[in-house]
Protein backbone atom coordinates (compact mmCIF):
# COMPACT_ATOMS: atom_id res chain seq x y z
CA UNK A 1 207.49 297.79 228.67
CA UNK A 2 205.87 301.41 229.13
CA UNK A 3 202.54 301.40 231.18
CA UNK A 4 200.51 302.00 228.07
CA UNK A 5 202.16 298.66 226.34
CA UNK A 6 201.42 296.77 229.60
CA UNK A 7 197.98 297.95 229.44
CA UNK A 8 197.41 296.94 225.90
CA UNK A 9 198.99 293.84 226.66
CA UNK A 10 196.99 292.58 229.70
CA UNK A 11 193.56 294.00 228.29
CA UNK A 12 193.62 291.96 225.19
CA UNK A 13 193.86 288.60 227.03
CA UNK A 14 190.72 289.59 229.12
CA UNK A 15 187.25 287.79 228.58
CA UNK A 16 185.42 289.30 225.59
CA UNK A 17 188.11 291.61 223.94
CA UNK A 18 188.76 291.18 220.53
CA UNK A 19 191.77 292.84 218.56
CA UNK A 20 191.68 293.69 214.86
CA UNK A 21 194.77 294.12 212.41
CA UNK A 22 195.14 297.64 213.37
CA UNK A 23 195.83 296.94 217.11
CA UNK A 24 192.27 298.29 217.81
CA UNK A 25 190.86 296.16 221.15
CA UNK A 26 187.11 296.41 221.70
CA UNK A 27 184.79 294.75 223.98
CA UNK A 28 181.16 294.43 223.39
CA UNK A 29 179.18 295.80 226.66
CA UNK A 30 175.79 295.82 225.02
CA UNK A 31 174.77 294.83 221.46
CA UNK A 32 172.32 296.78 219.53
CA UNK A 33 170.59 295.69 216.26
CA UNK A 34 170.44 299.11 214.49
CA UNK A 35 171.85 300.35 211.55
CA UNK A 36 176.02 299.99 210.80
CA UNK A 37 177.45 303.79 209.77
CA UNK A 38 179.56 304.27 206.87
CA UNK A 39 182.44 306.64 206.73
CA UNK A 40 180.42 308.84 205.18
CA UNK A 41 177.71 308.97 207.76
CA UNK A 42 176.93 311.35 210.76
CA UNK A 43 176.56 309.63 213.80
CA UNK A 44 175.35 310.45 217.43
CA UNK A 45 177.12 308.97 220.36
CA UNK A 46 177.49 309.32 223.97
CA UNK A 47 180.93 308.49 225.28
CA UNK A 48 183.74 309.20 227.59
CA UNK A 49 187.50 309.02 227.30
CA UNK A 50 190.19 308.43 229.77
CA UNK A 51 193.89 307.43 229.73
CA UNK A 52 195.25 304.35 231.15
CA UNK A 53 195.95 305.65 234.49
CA UNK A 54 192.10 306.33 234.69
CA UNK A 55 192.51 310.14 233.93
CA UNK A 56 189.07 311.34 232.31
CA UNK A 57 189.69 313.85 229.51
CA UNK A 58 186.33 314.31 227.84
CA UNK A 59 182.87 312.97 228.50
CA UNK A 60 179.62 313.91 226.60
CA UNK A 61 177.91 312.46 229.40
CA UNK A 62 179.24 314.98 231.85
CA UNK A 63 178.18 317.62 229.17
CA UNK A 64 174.54 316.38 229.48
CA UNK A 65 174.27 315.87 225.67
CA UNK A 66 175.53 313.38 222.87
CA UNK A 67 178.07 314.62 220.23
CA UNK A 68 177.77 314.35 216.41
CA UNK A 69 180.63 313.66 214.44
CA UNK A 70 181.32 312.60 210.70
CA UNK A 71 182.23 308.99 211.08
CA UNK A 72 184.99 309.22 208.81
CA UNK A 73 186.89 312.37 209.81
CA UNK A 74 187.98 311.03 213.37
CA UNK A 75 191.04 309.26 214.59
CA UNK A 76 191.50 306.17 212.93
CA UNK A 77 190.81 304.04 215.60
CA UNK A 78 187.05 305.73 216.48
CA UNK A 79 186.46 305.32 212.67
CA UNK A 80 187.48 301.64 212.52
CA UNK A 81 185.29 300.90 215.68
CA UNK A 82 182.22 303.23 214.38
CA UNK A 83 182.20 301.11 211.09
CA UNK A 84 181.89 297.83 212.90
CA UNK A 85 179.08 299.05 215.49
CA UNK A 86 175.54 298.83 215.20
CA UNK A 87 173.26 301.47 216.41
CA UNK A 88 172.23 300.56 220.22
CA UNK A 89 175.64 299.01 220.72
CA UNK A 90 177.75 300.00 223.76
CA UNK A 91 181.62 299.35 223.55
CA UNK A 92 184.67 299.67 225.33
CA UNK A 93 187.63 300.68 223.18
CA UNK A 94 191.26 300.53 223.79
CA UNK A 95 192.89 302.52 221.18
CA UNK A 96 196.93 302.14 220.80
CA UNK A 97 198.57 306.06 220.24
CA UNK A 98 199.34 304.88 216.65
CA UNK A 99 195.57 305.01 215.60
CA UNK A 100 194.75 307.77 217.94
CA UNK A 101 196.44 311.07 218.67
CA UNK A 102 200.27 309.30 218.08
CA UNK A 103 203.44 310.82 219.33
CA UNK A 104 201.81 314.60 219.29
CA UNK A 105 198.93 313.85 221.60
CA UNK A 106 196.19 316.44 221.55
CA UNK A 107 194.80 319.71 223.47
CA UNK A 108 197.47 319.38 226.52
CA UNK A 109 195.39 316.66 227.90
CA UNK A 110 196.47 313.96 225.78
CA UNK A 111 200.20 312.95 226.24
CA UNK A 112 202.17 311.88 223.29
CA UNK A 113 202.06 308.19 222.66
CA UNK A 114 198.90 307.49 224.75
CA UNK A 115 196.70 304.61 224.72
CA UNK A 116 193.28 305.87 224.82
CA UNK A 117 190.24 304.05 226.43
CA UNK A 118 186.60 304.93 225.73
CA UNK A 119 183.27 303.94 226.62
CA UNK A 120 181.15 304.38 223.53
CA UNK A 121 177.34 304.26 222.78
CA UNK A 122 176.20 304.61 219.36
CA UNK A 123 172.63 306.34 219.28
CA UNK A 124 172.29 306.99 215.88
CA UNK A 125 173.64 307.39 212.28
CA UNK A 126 172.59 308.97 209.32
CA UNK A 127 173.62 309.96 205.64
CA UNK A 128 174.76 313.80 205.37
CA UNK A 129 172.01 314.35 202.75
CA UNK A 130 169.35 313.09 205.38
CA UNK A 131 170.92 315.26 208.13
CA UNK A 132 171.13 318.23 205.92
CA UNK A 133 167.10 317.55 205.01
CA UNK A 134 166.37 317.28 208.71
CA UNK A 135 168.28 320.44 209.58
CA UNK A 136 166.64 322.39 206.74
CA UNK A 137 163.01 321.06 207.82
CA UNK A 138 163.77 322.32 211.39
CA UNK A 139 164.79 325.63 210.15
CA UNK A 140 161.91 325.95 208.18
CA UNK A 141 159.65 324.97 211.11
CA UNK A 142 161.57 327.52 213.48
CA UNK A 143 160.90 330.32 210.84
CA UNK A 144 157.74 329.94 210.15
CA UNK A 145 157.06 329.78 214.35
CA UNK A 146 158.76 333.08 214.55
CA UNK A 147 156.08 334.41 211.80
CA UNK A 148 153.31 333.13 213.61
CA UNK A 149 154.58 334.41 216.97
CA UNK A 150 154.71 338.00 215.64
CA UNK A 151 151.34 337.64 213.56
CA UNK A 152 149.72 336.77 217.03
CA UNK A 153 151.60 339.18 219.18
CA UNK A 154 150.55 342.20 216.56
CA UNK A 155 147.02 341.88 217.71
CA UNK A 156 147.77 342.18 221.42
CA UNK A 157 146.59 345.05 223.17
CA UNK A 158 149.02 348.12 223.35
CA UNK A 159 151.30 346.49 220.62
CA UNK A 160 151.93 349.01 217.70
CA UNK A 161 153.80 348.05 214.45
CA UNK A 162 155.90 349.88 212.09
CA UNK A 163 156.41 349.82 208.27
CA UNK A 164 159.84 347.83 208.88
CA UNK A 165 157.84 344.96 210.98
CA UNK A 166 159.26 346.15 214.43
CA UNK A 167 156.43 345.77 217.05
CA UNK A 168 156.70 347.85 220.49
CA UNK A 169 154.89 348.44 223.36
CA UNK A 170 155.21 351.21 225.76
CA UNK A 171 155.81 350.03 229.33
CA UNK A 172 156.51 353.56 230.84
CA UNK A 173 156.56 357.00 228.74
CA UNK A 174 159.28 359.07 229.67
CA UNK A 175 159.25 362.91 228.82
CA UNK A 176 163.11 363.31 228.17
CA UNK A 177 165.05 363.69 224.95
CA UNK A 178 164.71 361.37 222.16
CA UNK A 179 167.67 360.36 220.21
CA UNK A 180 168.39 360.58 216.46
CA UNK A 181 169.92 357.52 214.50
CA UNK A 182 173.46 358.60 215.28
CA UNK A 183 173.03 359.50 218.90
CA UNK A 184 175.02 357.99 221.69
CA UNK A 185 172.63 356.53 224.11
CA UNK A 186 172.80 354.90 227.71
CA UNK A 187 170.52 352.04 228.42
CA UNK A 188 169.32 348.92 230.75
CA UNK A 189 167.76 346.11 228.77
CA UNK A 190 167.09 342.50 228.71
CA UNK A 191 167.07 340.35 225.45
CA UNK A 192 165.23 337.15 225.21
CA UNK A 193 163.98 334.48 222.37
CA UNK A 194 160.44 333.83 221.66
CA UNK A 195 160.75 330.79 224.04
CA UNK A 196 161.38 332.87 227.12
CA UNK A 197 165.37 332.18 227.13
CA UNK A 198 167.37 335.39 227.99
CA UNK A 199 170.23 335.66 225.75
CA UNK A 200 171.77 339.11 227.25
CA UNK A 201 170.75 341.49 230.02
CA UNK A 202 172.48 344.41 231.35
CA UNK A 203 170.46 344.13 234.66
CA UNK A 204 172.03 340.78 235.23
CA UNK A 205 175.57 342.55 234.94
CA UNK A 206 174.30 345.07 237.04
CA UNK A 207 175.51 347.98 234.88
CA UNK A 208 173.96 350.24 232.16
CA UNK A 209 175.85 350.23 228.58
CA UNK A 210 176.41 352.80 225.97
CA UNK A 211 176.45 352.92 222.36
CA UNK A 212 175.69 354.40 219.46
CA UNK A 213 172.51 353.96 217.56
CA UNK A 214 174.37 353.73 214.11
CA UNK A 215 176.51 350.55 215.58
CA UNK A 216 173.47 348.38 216.53
CA UNK A 217 170.82 346.14 214.65
CA UNK A 218 168.34 347.84 212.77
CA UNK A 219 165.52 346.82 214.87
CA UNK A 220 167.35 348.81 217.95
CA UNK A 221 168.17 351.96 215.89
CA UNK A 222 164.47 352.19 214.94
CA UNK A 223 163.03 351.40 218.26
CA UNK A 224 165.43 353.79 220.25
CA UNK A 225 164.17 356.70 218.15
CA UNK A 226 160.64 355.90 219.10
CA UNK A 227 161.58 356.60 222.68
CA UNK A 228 162.34 359.52 225.05
CA UNK A 229 164.50 359.48 228.11
CA UNK A 230 163.00 357.62 231.06
CA UNK A 231 160.67 355.61 228.78
CA UNK A 232 160.88 351.37 228.82
CA UNK A 233 159.73 349.74 225.71
CA UNK A 234 159.23 346.22 224.71
CA UNK A 235 160.79 345.58 221.57
CA UNK A 236 159.63 342.58 219.36
CA UNK A 237 162.22 342.51 216.55
CA UNK A 238 162.07 340.23 213.32
CA UNK A 239 165.06 338.52 212.08
CA UNK A 240 165.07 341.00 208.99
CA UNK A 241 165.87 343.91 211.48
CA UNK A 242 167.61 341.79 213.69
CA UNK A 243 170.53 339.33 213.04
CA UNK A 244 168.99 338.22 209.84
CA UNK A 245 169.43 334.64 208.38
CA UNK A 246 172.39 333.64 209.88
CA UNK A 247 171.95 334.66 213.58
CA UNK A 248 174.68 335.52 215.97
CA UNK A 249 176.73 333.27 218.11
CA UNK A 250 175.66 330.10 219.67
CA UNK A 251 172.77 332.07 221.66
CA UNK A 252 170.92 333.58 218.78
CA UNK A 253 169.64 331.15 215.97
CA UNK A 254 169.15 331.97 212.44
CA UNK A 255 165.71 333.79 211.81
CA UNK A 256 165.05 334.59 215.29
CA UNK A 257 162.70 336.98 216.49
CA UNK A 258 164.13 338.95 219.31
CA UNK A 259 162.33 340.53 222.21
CA UNK A 260 163.97 343.25 224.00
CA UNK A 261 162.97 345.28 227.19
CA UNK A 262 164.60 348.42 226.95
CA UNK A 263 164.93 351.25 229.33
CA UNK A 264 166.34 354.51 227.82
CA UNK A 265 168.49 355.84 230.66
CA UNK A 266 169.74 359.00 228.79
CA UNK A 267 170.54 360.49 225.46
CA UNK A 268 174.28 361.26 225.60
CA UNK A 269 174.72 362.98 222.26
């Protein structure tokens, strides 16, 4: 027998291990008493996965945050187990390859034919409709918080507001050239969210950046045209002239107000 077959044979005889018709093996480590998912639900879990030789290939614990999955769109062994579990359960799963990733393996870390061992903790289960409603409510709350931030900020000393909604504050006033909407400029900058979280910074990279003002978000195009070389401004950019309703990447959420400290080094053309 292969090491995986030997592991399966030995494991199923251990105390507390149950074997289903598909060949899934599971052991209840800790029993919960919450709801049981359906295949249409979104589950929240903590887990770690390893091969039978102990090699760990994935762990939400190590990432420091639980994972969310559609219960019915996972490898068959996971789906089967989740539909047997209750919220609060902690189980050890041993999943034969034919209800895991089969002969193909996965991602270069799970070889073909591998039996997989998972420690899994079911933290929550919700319907897709409930999940969408909660996400929509959270987004609406976030959007309203962004509006409130701008309303409060507009009343602060030294803050000016333009017709577009752009807010700016002069930190240092320079005396050099002012760019046009199509100028190439060189700047230093730092961008943050209203929470104070910095999402980008040329200062941290240790070098200035050059770009055309017709190649950036509208709030930058407008804000830089208010400045002169040698100026440092703080720009407060509403989502409507920032990254809009979609945000940008993982660091800028939809409807985000962006705060930039911008130093106009030079107008290059």
